[in-house]
Amino acid sequence: RAIAAAADGDRLTGVACSPGQVTGRARIILDPSDPGALE
């Protein structure tokens, strides 16, 4: 899909499912048997 990346400052919304607030680097993982660079 040709969907543009979000820009700095953008706020994406979804369903609030588990409380807490953290800051970290995104890791796109599509297969749990290949966690790749997830740290």
PDB file of all heavy atoms in Angstrom:
ATOM      1  N   ARG A   1       0.830  -1.203   0.000  1.00  0.00           N
ATOM      2  CA  ARG A   1       0.000   0.000   0.000  1.00  0.00           C
ATOM      3  C   ARG A   1       0.868   1.258   0.000  1.00  0.00           C
ATOM      4  O   ARG A   1       1.830   1.353   0.745  1.00  0.00           O
ATOM      5  CB  ARG A   1      -0.923   0.007   1.221  1.00  0.00           C
ATOM      6  CG  ARG A   1      -1.954  -1.100   1.203  1.00  0.00           C
ATOM      7  CD  ARG A   1      -2.784  -1.109   2.466  1.00  0.00           C
ATOM      8  NE  ARG A   1      -1.995  -1.486   3.631  1.00  0.00           N
ATOM      9  CZ  ARG A   1      -2.482  -1.607   4.857  1.00  0.00           C
ATOM     10  NH1 ARG A   1      -3.750  -1.356   5.088  1.00  0.00           N
ATOM     11  NH2 ARG A   1      -1.705  -1.963   5.861  1.00  0.00           N
ATOM     12  N   ALA A   2       0.487   2.201  -0.846  1.00  0.00           N
ATOM     13  CA  ALA A   2       1.230   3.470  -0.927  1.00  0.00           C
ATOM     14  C   ALA A   2       0.591   4.475   0.022  1.00  0.00           C
ATOM     15  O   ALA A   2      -0.188   5.343  -0.380  1.00  0.00           O
ATOM     16  CB  ALA A   2       1.229   3.982  -2.356  1.00  0.00           C
ATOM     17  N   ILE A   3       0.867   4.333   1.296  1.00  0.00           N
ATOM     18  CA  ILE A   3       0.330   5.232   2.316  1.00  0.00           C
ATOM     19  C   ILE A   3       1.481   6.054   2.879  1.00  0.00           C
ATOM     20  O   ILE A   3       2.508   5.520   3.279  1.00  0.00           O
ATOM     21  CB  ILE A   3      -0.374   4.438   3.432  1.00  0.00           C
ATOM     22  CG1 ILE A   3      -1.557   3.659   2.852  1.00  0.00           C
ATOM     23  CG2 ILE A   3      -0.835   5.352   4.557  1.00  0.00           C
ATOM     24  CD1 ILE A   3      -2.273   2.788   3.867  1.00  0.00           C
ATOM     25  N   ALA A   4       1.301   7.347   2.896  1.00  0.00           N
ATOM     26  CA  ALA A   4       2.371   8.244   3.342  1.00  0.00           C
ATOM     27  C   ALA A   4       2.653   8.045   4.826  1.00  0.00           C
ATOM     28  O   ALA A   4       1.746   7.789   5.629  1.00  0.00           O
ATOM     29  CB  ALA A   4       1.976   9.690   3.080  1.00  0.00           C
ATOM     30  N   ALA A   5       3.918   8.164   5.169  1.00  0.00           N
ATOM     31  CA  ALA A   5       4.310   8.061   6.570  1.00  0.00           C
ATOM     32  C   ALA A   5       3.783   9.250   7.349  1.00  0.00           C
ATOM     33  O   ALA A   5       3.611  10.350   6.820  1.00  0.00           O
ATOM     34  CB  ALA A   5       5.828   7.990   6.684  1.00  0.00           C
ATOM     35  N   ALA A   6       3.506   9.010   8.616  1.00  0.00           N
ATOM     36  CA  ALA A   6       3.100  10.101   9.490  1.00  0.00           C
ATOM     37  C   ALA A   6       4.264  11.066   9.683  1.00  0.00           C
ATOM     38  O   ALA A   6       5.438  10.675   9.617  1.00  0.00           O
ATOM     39  CB  ALA A   6       2.637   9.551  10.834  1.00  0.00           C
ATOM     40  N   ALA A   7       3.940  12.321   9.921  1.00  0.00           N
ATOM     41  CA  ALA A   7       4.963  13.355  10.110  1.00  0.00           C
ATOM     42  C   ALA A   7       5.205  13.590  11.593  1.00  0.00           C
ATOM     43  O   ALA A   7       4.371  13.246  12.440  1.00  0.00           O
ATOM     44  CB  ALA A   7       4.514  14.647   9.437  1.00  0.00           C
ATOM     45  N   ASP A   8       6.348  14.176  11.893  1.00  0.00           N
ATOM     46  CA  ASP A   8       6.644  14.530  13.279  1.00  0.00           C
ATOM     47  C   ASP A   8       5.515  15.399  13.829  1.00  0.00           C
ATOM     48  O   ASP A   8       5.062  16.347  13.176  1.00  0.00           O
ATOM     49  CB  ASP A   8       7.966  15.297  13.362  1.00  0.00           C
ATOM     50  CG  ASP A   8       9.162  14.426  13.033  1.00  0.00           C
ATOM     51  OD1 ASP A   8       8.964  13.230  12.744  1.00  0.00           O
ATOM     52  OD2 ASP A   8      10.300  14.936  13.054  1.00  0.00           O
ATOM     53  N   GLY A   9       5.059  15.072  15.026  1.00  0.00           N
ATOM     54  CA  GLY A   9       3.982  15.817  15.650  1.00  0.00           C
ATOM     55  C   GLY A   9       2.599  15.249  15.391  1.00  0.00           C
ATOM     56  O   GLY A   9       1.637  15.627  16.069  1.00  0.00           O
ATOM     57  N   ASP A  10       2.472  14.340  14.412  1.00  0.00           N
ATOM     58  CA  ASP A  10       1.167  13.722  14.151  1.00  0.00           C
ATOM     59  C   ASP A  10       0.756  12.859  15.350  1.00  0.00           C
ATOM     60  O   ASP A  10       1.594  12.227  16.001  1.00  0.00           O
ATOM     61  CB  ASP A  10       1.209  12.838  12.904  1.00  0.00           C
ATOM     62  CG  ASP A  10       1.175  13.661  11.625  1.00  0.00           C
ATOM     63  OD1 ASP A  10       1.010  14.894  11.716  1.00  0.00           O
ATOM     64  OD2 ASP A  10       1.301  13.058  10.544  1.00  0.00           O
ATOM     65  N   ARG A  11      -0.534  12.833  15.599  1.00  0.00           N
ATOM     66  CA  ARG A  11      -1.066  12.005  16.676  1.00  0.00           C
ATOM     67  C   ARG A  11      -2.096  11.052  16.086  1.00  0.00           C
ATOM     68  O   ARG A  11      -3.148  11.465  15.615  1.00  0.00           O
ATOM     69  CB  ARG A  11      -1.692  12.861  17.772  1.00  0.00           C
ATOM     70  CG  ARG A  11      -2.275  12.047  18.920  1.00  0.00           C
ATOM     71  CD  ARG A  11      -2.651  12.932  20.098  1.00  0.00           C
ATOM     72  NE  ARG A  11      -1.472  13.517  20.718  1.00  0.00           N
ATOM     73  CZ  ARG A  11      -1.515  14.356  21.749  1.00  0.00           C
ATOM     74  NH1 ARG A  11      -2.678  14.713  22.261  1.00  0.00           N
ATOM     75  NH2 ARG A  11      -0.400  14.848  22.263  1.00  0.00           N
ATOM     76  N   LEU A  12      -1.767   9.759  16.079  1.00  0.00           N
ATOM     77  CA  LEU A  12      -2.668   8.733  15.581  1.00  0.00           C
ATOM     78  C   LEU A  12      -3.554   8.261  16.727  1.00  0.00           C
ATOM     79  O   LEU A  12      -3.116   8.199  17.878  1.00  0.00           O
ATOM     80  CB  LEU A  12      -1.881   7.550  15.017  1.00  0.00           C
ATOM     81  CG  LEU A  12      -0.733   7.888  14.045  1.00  0.00           C
ATOM     82  CD1 LEU A  12      -0.090   6.612  13.522  1.00  0.00           C
ATOM     83  CD2 LEU A  12      -1.227   8.757  12.901  1.00  0.00           C
ATOM     84  N   THR A  13      -4.785   7.933  16.411  1.00  0.00           N
ATOM     85  CA  THR A  13      -5.718   7.525  17.452  1.00  0.00           C
ATOM     86  C   THR A  13      -6.240   6.118  17.200  1.00  0.00           C
ATOM     87  O   THR A  13      -6.316   5.655  16.069  1.00  0.00           O
ATOM     88  CB  THR A  13      -6.912   8.489  17.543  1.00  0.00           C
ATOM     89  OG1 THR A  13      -7.603   8.508  16.283  1.00  0.00           O
ATOM     90  CG2 THR A  13      -6.451   9.894  17.881  1.00  0.00           C
ATOM     91  N   GLY A  14      -6.583   5.453  18.288  1.00  0.00           N
ATOM     92  CA  GLY A  14      -7.135   4.112  18.215  1.00  0.00           C
ATOM     93  C   GLY A  14      -7.961   3.845  19.449  1.00  0.00           C
ATOM     94  O   GLY A  14      -8.481   4.771  20.082  1.00  0.00           O
ATOM     95  N   VAL A  15      -8.079   2.585  19.825  1.00  0.00           N
ATOM     96  CA  VAL A  15      -8.853   2.182  20.994  1.00  0.00           C
ATOM     97  C   VAL A  15      -7.903   2.055  22.190  1.00  0.00           C
ATOM     98  O   VAL A  15      -6.885   1.370  22.109  1.00  0.00           O
ATOM     99  CB  VAL A  15      -9.562   0.842  20.742  1.00  0.00           C
ATOM    100  CG1 VAL A  15     -10.310   0.378  21.989  1.00  0.00           C
ATOM    101  CG2 VAL A  15     -10.520   0.961  19.564  1.00  0.00           C
ATOM    102  N   ALA A  16      -8.226   2.750  23.272  1.00  0.00           N
ATOM    103  CA  ALA A  16      -7.422   2.678  24.495  1.00  0.00           C
ATOM    104  C   ALA A  16      -7.649   1.321  25.147  1.00  0.00           C
ATOM    105  O   ALA A  16      -8.755   1.017  25.588  1.00  0.00           O
ATOM    106  CB  ALA A  16      -7.820   3.801  25.449  1.00  0.00           C
ATOM    107  N   CYS A  17      -6.604   0.502  25.203  1.00  0.00           N
ATOM    108  CA  CYS A  17      -6.778  -0.895  25.632  1.00  0.00           C
ATOM    109  C   CYS A  17      -6.005  -1.272  26.887  1.00  0.00           C
ATOM    110  O   CYS A  17      -6.404  -2.195  27.591  1.00  0.00           O
ATOM    111  CB  CYS A  17      -6.380  -1.832  24.493  1.00  0.00           C
ATOM    112  SG  CYS A  17      -7.498  -1.751  23.082  1.00  0.00           S
ATOM    113  N   SER A  18      -4.891  -0.609  27.149  1.00  0.00           N
ATOM    114  CA  SER A  18      -4.111  -0.922  28.346  1.00  0.00           C
ATOM    115  C   SER A  18      -3.399   0.356  28.771  1.00  0.00           C
ATOM    116  O   SER A  18      -2.718   0.986  27.957  1.00  0.00           O
ATOM    117  CB  SER A  18      -3.090  -2.031  28.059  1.00  0.00           C
ATOM    118  OG  SER A  18      -2.353  -2.356  29.230  1.00  0.00           O
ATOM    119  N   PRO A  19      -3.557   0.768  30.037  1.00  0.00           N
ATOM    120  CA  PRO A  19      -3.061   2.080  30.451  1.00  0.00           C
ATOM    121  C   PRO A  19      -1.552   2.140  30.550  1.00  0.00           C
ATOM    122  O   PRO A  19      -0.847   1.135  30.616  1.00  0.00           O
ATOM    123  CB  PRO A  19      -3.714   2.277  31.818  1.00  0.00           C
ATOM    124  CG  PRO A  19      -3.889   0.889  32.348  1.00  0.00           C
ATOM    125  CD  PRO A  19      -4.207   0.047  31.147  1.00  0.00           C
ATOM    126  N   GLY A  20      -1.062   3.373  30.574  1.00  0.00           N
ATOM    127  CA  GLY A  20       0.357   3.640  30.682  1.00  0.00           C
ATOM    128  C   GLY A  20       0.837   4.497  29.532  1.00  0.00           C
ATOM    129  O   GLY A  20       0.203   4.546  28.468  1.00  0.00           O
ATOM    130  N   GLN A  21       1.928   5.187  29.747  1.00  0.00           N
ATOM    131  CA  GLN A  21       2.498   6.054  28.710  1.00  0.00           C
ATOM    132  C   GLN A  21       3.993   5.796  28.634  1.00  0.00           C
ATOM    133  O   GLN A  21       4.700   5.847  29.652  1.00  0.00           O
ATOM    134  CB  GLN A  21       2.233   7.520  29.035  1.00  0.00           C
ATOM    135  CG  GLN A  21       2.686   8.468  27.940  1.00  0.00           C
ATOM    136  CD  GLN A  21       2.375   9.930  28.284  1.00  0.00           C
ATOM    137  OE1 GLN A  21       3.240  10.664  28.773  1.00  0.00           O
ATOM    138  NE2 GLN A  21       1.143  10.318  28.050  1.00  0.00           N
ATOM    139  N   VAL A  22       4.485   5.475  27.439  1.00  0.00           N
ATOM    140  CA  VAL A  22       5.908   5.222  27.257  1.00  0.00           C
ATOM    141  C   VAL A  22       6.380   5.864  25.961  1.00  0.00           C
ATOM    142  O   VAL A  22       5.599   6.127  25.045  1.00  0.00           O
ATOM    143  CB  VAL A  22       6.233   3.711  27.211  1.00  0.00           C
ATOM    144  CG1 VAL A  22       5.826   3.018  28.487  1.00  0.00           C
ATOM    145  CG2 VAL A  22       5.594   3.057  26.009  1.00  0.00           C
ATOM    146  N   THR A  23       7.683   6.084  25.902  1.00  0.00           N
ATOM    147  CA  THR A  23       8.327   6.601  24.699  1.00  0.00           C
ATOM    148  C   THR A  23       9.375   5.590  24.251  1.00  0.00           C
ATOM    149  O   THR A  23      10.119   5.048  25.077  1.00  0.00           O
ATOM    150  CB  THR A  23       9.005   7.960  24.982  1.00  0.00           C
ATOM    151  OG1 THR A  23       8.007   8.910  25.351  1.00  0.00           O
ATOM    152  CG2 THR A  23       9.733   8.458  23.731  1.00  0.00           C
ATOM    153  N   GLY A  24       9.395   5.293  22.958  1.00  0.00           N
ATOM    154  CA  GLY A  24      10.363   4.335  22.445  1.00  0.00           C
ATOM    155  C   GLY A  24      10.362   4.305  20.934  1.00  0.00           C
ATOM    156  O   GLY A  24       9.546   4.962  20.277  1.00  0.00           O
ATOM    157  N   ARG A  25      11.297   3.542  20.383  1.00  0.00           N
ATOM    158  CA  ARG A  25      11.419   3.405  18.933  1.00  0.00           C
ATOM    159  C   ARG A  25      10.462   2.342  18.414  1.00  0.00           C
ATOM    160  O   ARG A  25      10.306   1.277  19.014  1.00  0.00           O
ATOM    161  CB  ARG A  25      12.851   3.020  18.553  1.00  0.00           C
ATOM    162  CG  ARG A  25      13.881   4.095  18.832  1.00  0.00           C
ATOM    163  CD  ARG A  25      13.803   5.211  17.810  1.00  0.00           C
ATOM    164  NE  ARG A  25      14.748   6.295  18.109  1.00  0.00           N
ATOM    165  CZ  ARG A  25      14.802   7.443  17.439  1.00  0.00           C
ATOM    166  NH1 ARG A  25      13.961   7.633  16.426  1.00  0.00           N
ATOM    167  NH2 ARG A  25      15.663   8.371  17.768  1.00  0.00           N
ATOM    168  N   ALA A  26       9.829   2.615  17.285  1.00  0.00           N
ATOM    169  CA  ALA A  26       8.904   1.675  16.668  1.00  0.00           C
ATOM    170  C   ALA A  26       9.666   0.537  16.010  1.00  0.00           C
ATOM    171  O   ALA A  26      10.686   0.754  15.345  1.00  0.00           O
ATOM    172  CB  ALA A  26       8.044   2.387  15.625  1.00  0.00           C
ATOM    173  N   ARG A  27       9.146  -0.673  16.182  1.00  0.00           N
ATOM    174  CA  ARG A  27       9.659  -1.831  15.462  1.00  0.00           C
ATOM    175  C   ARG A  27       8.469  -2.512  14.794  1.00  0.00           C
ATOM    176  O   ARG A  27       7.568  -3.006  15.474  1.00  0.00           O
ATOM    177  CB  ARG A  27      10.358  -2.816  16.403  1.00  0.00           C
ATOM    178  CG  ARG A  27      11.656  -2.282  16.946  1.00  0.00           C
ATOM    179  CD  ARG A  27      12.738  -2.126  15.875  1.00  0.00           C
ATOM    180  NE  ARG A  27      13.912  -1.429  16.391  1.00  0.00           N
ATOM    181  CZ  ARG A  27      14.410  -0.317  15.866  1.00  0.00           C
ATOM    182  NH1 ARG A  27      13.821   0.205  14.799  1.00  0.00           N
ATOM    183  NH2 ARG A  27      15.468   0.243  16.393  1.00  0.00           N
ATOM    184  N   ILE A  28       8.466  -2.529  13.471  1.00  0.00           N
ATOM    185  CA  ILE A  28       7.390  -3.154  12.713  1.00  0.00           C
ATOM    186  C   ILE A  28       7.690  -4.651  12.622  1.00  0.00           C
ATOM    187  O   ILE A  28       8.661  -5.060  11.987  1.00  0.00           O
ATOM    188  CB  ILE A  28       7.262  -2.546  11.302  1.00  0.00           C
ATOM    189  CG1 ILE A  28       7.268  -1.016  11.359  1.00  0.00           C
ATOM    190  CG2 ILE A  28       6.007  -3.072  10.614  1.00  0.00           C
ATOM    191  CD1 ILE A  28       6.125  -0.406  12.122  1.00  0.00           C
ATOM    192  N   ILE A  29       6.871  -5.458  13.263  1.00  0.00           N
ATOM    193  CA  ILE A  29       7.040  -6.912  13.280  1.00  0.00           C
ATOM    194  C   ILE A  29       5.765  -7.539  12.709  1.00  0.00           C
ATOM    195  O   ILE A  29       4.667  -7.277  13.218  1.00  0.00           O
ATOM    196  CB  ILE A  29       7.289  -7.449  14.705  1.00  0.00           C
ATOM    197  CG1 ILE A  29       8.467  -6.714  15.377  1.00  0.00           C
ATOM    198  CG2 ILE A  29       7.519  -8.952  14.673  1.00  0.00           C
ATOM    199  CD1 ILE A  29       9.799  -6.984  14.746  1.00  0.00           C
ATOM    200  N   LEU A  30       5.905  -8.366  11.689  1.00  0.00           N
ATOM    201  CA  LEU A  30       4.739  -8.991  11.063  1.00  0.00           C
ATOM    202  C   LEU A  30       4.679 -10.498  11.288  1.00  0.00           C
ATOM    203  O   LEU A  30       3.681 -11.130  10.955  1.00  0.00           O
ATOM    204  CB  LEU A  30       4.718  -8.687   9.557  1.00  0.00           C
ATOM    205  CG  LEU A  30       4.679  -7.194   9.197  1.00  0.00           C
ATOM    206  CD1 LEU A  30       4.691  -7.018   7.693  1.00  0.00           C
ATOM    207  CD2 LEU A  30       3.450  -6.523   9.804  1.00  0.00           C
ATOM    208  N   ASP A  31       5.746 -11.075  11.852  1.00  0.00           N
ATOM    209  CA  ASP A  31       5.789 -12.516  12.093  1.00  0.00           C
ATOM    210  C   ASP A  31       6.433 -12.754  13.452  1.00  0.00           C
ATOM    211  O   ASP A  31       7.605 -12.417  13.655  1.00  0.00           O
ATOM    212  CB  ASP A  31       6.600 -13.204  10.987  1.00  0.00           C
ATOM    213  CG  ASP A  31       6.645 -14.714  11.150  1.00  0.00           C
ATOM    214  OD1 ASP A  31       6.189 -15.229  12.188  1.00  0.00           O
ATOM    215  OD2 ASP A  31       7.156 -15.389  10.239  1.00  0.00           O
ATOM    216  N   PRO A  32       5.688 -13.316  14.417  1.00  0.00           N
ATOM    217  CA  PRO A  32       6.256 -13.488  15.759  1.00  0.00           C
ATOM    218  C   PRO A  32       7.423 -14.457  15.811  1.00  0.00           C
ATOM    219  O   PRO A  32       8.226 -14.417  16.748  1.00  0.00           O
ATOM    220  CB  PRO A  32       5.067 -14.022  16.566  1.00  0.00           C
ATOM    221  CG  PRO A  32       4.188 -14.688  15.556  1.00  0.00           C
ATOM    222  CD  PRO A  32       4.329 -13.858  14.315  1.00  0.00           C
ATOM    223  N   SER A  33       7.531 -15.345  14.833  1.00  0.00           N
ATOM    224  CA  SER A  33       8.658 -16.277  14.826  1.00  0.00           C
ATOM    225  C   SER A  33       9.932 -15.627  14.301  1.00  0.00           C
ATOM    226  O   SER A  33      10.996 -16.241  14.316  1.00  0.00           O
ATOM    227  CB  SER A  33       8.322 -17.506  13.979  1.00  0.00           C
ATOM    228  OG  SER A  33       8.172 -17.154  12.614  1.00  0.00           O
ATOM    229  N   ASP A  34       9.824 -14.381  13.835  1.00  0.00           N
ATOM    230  CA  ASP A  34      10.982 -13.638  13.338  1.00  0.00           C
ATOM    231  C   ASP A  34      10.975 -12.249  13.955  1.00  0.00           C
ATOM    232  O   ASP A  34      10.660 -11.260  13.290  1.00  0.00           O
ATOM    233  CB  ASP A  34      10.932 -13.554  11.804  1.00  0.00           C
ATOM    234  CG  ASP A  34      12.158 -12.855  11.224  1.00  0.00           C
ATOM    235  OD1 ASP A  34      13.174 -12.760  11.937  1.00  0.00           O
ATOM    236  OD2 ASP A  34      12.094 -12.401  10.061  1.00  0.00           O
ATOM    237  N   PRO A  35      11.274 -12.162  15.269  1.00  0.00           N
ATOM    238  CA  PRO A  35      11.184 -10.864  15.950  1.00  0.00           C
ATOM    239  C   PRO A  35      12.214  -9.862  15.496  1.00  0.00           C
ATOM    240  O   PRO A  35      12.119  -8.669  15.821  1.00  0.00           O
ATOM    241  CB  PRO A  35      11.375 -11.235  17.429  1.00  0.00           C
ATOM    242  CG  PRO A  35      12.070 -12.543  17.421  1.00  0.00           C
ATOM    243  CD  PRO A  35      11.641 -13.251  16.179  1.00  0.00           C
ATOM    244  N   GLY A  36      13.211 -10.309  14.736  1.00  0.00           N
ATOM    245  CA  GLY A  36      14.149  -9.382  14.105  1.00  0.00           C
ATOM    246  C   GLY A  36      14.847  -8.474  15.086  1.00  0.00           C
ATOM    247  O   GLY A  36      15.478  -8.908  16.045  1.00  0.00           O
ATOM    248  N   ALA A  37      14.679  -7.165  14.851  1.00  0.00           N
ATOM    249  CA  ALA A  37      15.453  -6.177  15.607  1.00  0.00           C
ATOM    250  C   ALA A  37      14.766  -5.722  16.882  1.00  0.00           C
ATOM    251  O   ALA A  37      15.195  -4.752  17.494  1.00  0.00           O
ATOM    252  CB  ALA A  37      15.722  -4.966  14.710  1.00  0.00           C
ATOM    253  N   LEU A  38      13.695  -6.381  17.295  1.00  0.00           N
ATOM    254  CA  LEU A  38      12.991  -5.946  18.505  1.00  0.00           C
ATOM    255  C   LEU A  38      13.903  -6.052  19.715  1.00  0.00           C
ATOM    256  O   LEU A  38      14.422  -7.114  20.035  1.00  0.00           O
ATOM    257  CB  LEU A  38      11.730  -6.792  18.715  1.00  0.00           C
ATOM    258  CG  LEU A  38      10.841  -6.350  19.886  1.00  0.00           C
ATOM    259  CD1 LEU A  38      10.172  -5.019  19.575  1.00  0.00           C
ATOM    260  CD2 LEU A  38       9.777  -7.408  20.194  1.00  0.00           C
ATOM    261  N   GLU A  39      14.093  -4.923  20.380  1.00  0.00           N
ATOM    262  CA  GLU A  39      14.958  -4.840  21.552  1.00  0.00           C
ATOM    263  C   GLU A  39      14.145  -4.352  22.740  1.00  0.00           C
ATOM    264  O   GLU A  39      13.074  -3.764  22.575  1.00  0.00           O
ATOM    265  CB  GLU A  39      16.116  -3.866  21.289  1.00  0.00           C
ATOM    266  CG  GLU A  39      17.057  -4.292  20.178  1.00  0.00           C
ATOM    267  CD  GLU A  39      18.011  -5.393  20.611  1.00  0.00           C
ATOM    268  OE1 GLU A  39      18.129  -5.598  21.841  1.00  0.00           O
ATOM    269  OE2 GLU A  39      18.622  -6.038  19.742  1.00  0.00           O
TER     270      GLU A  39
END
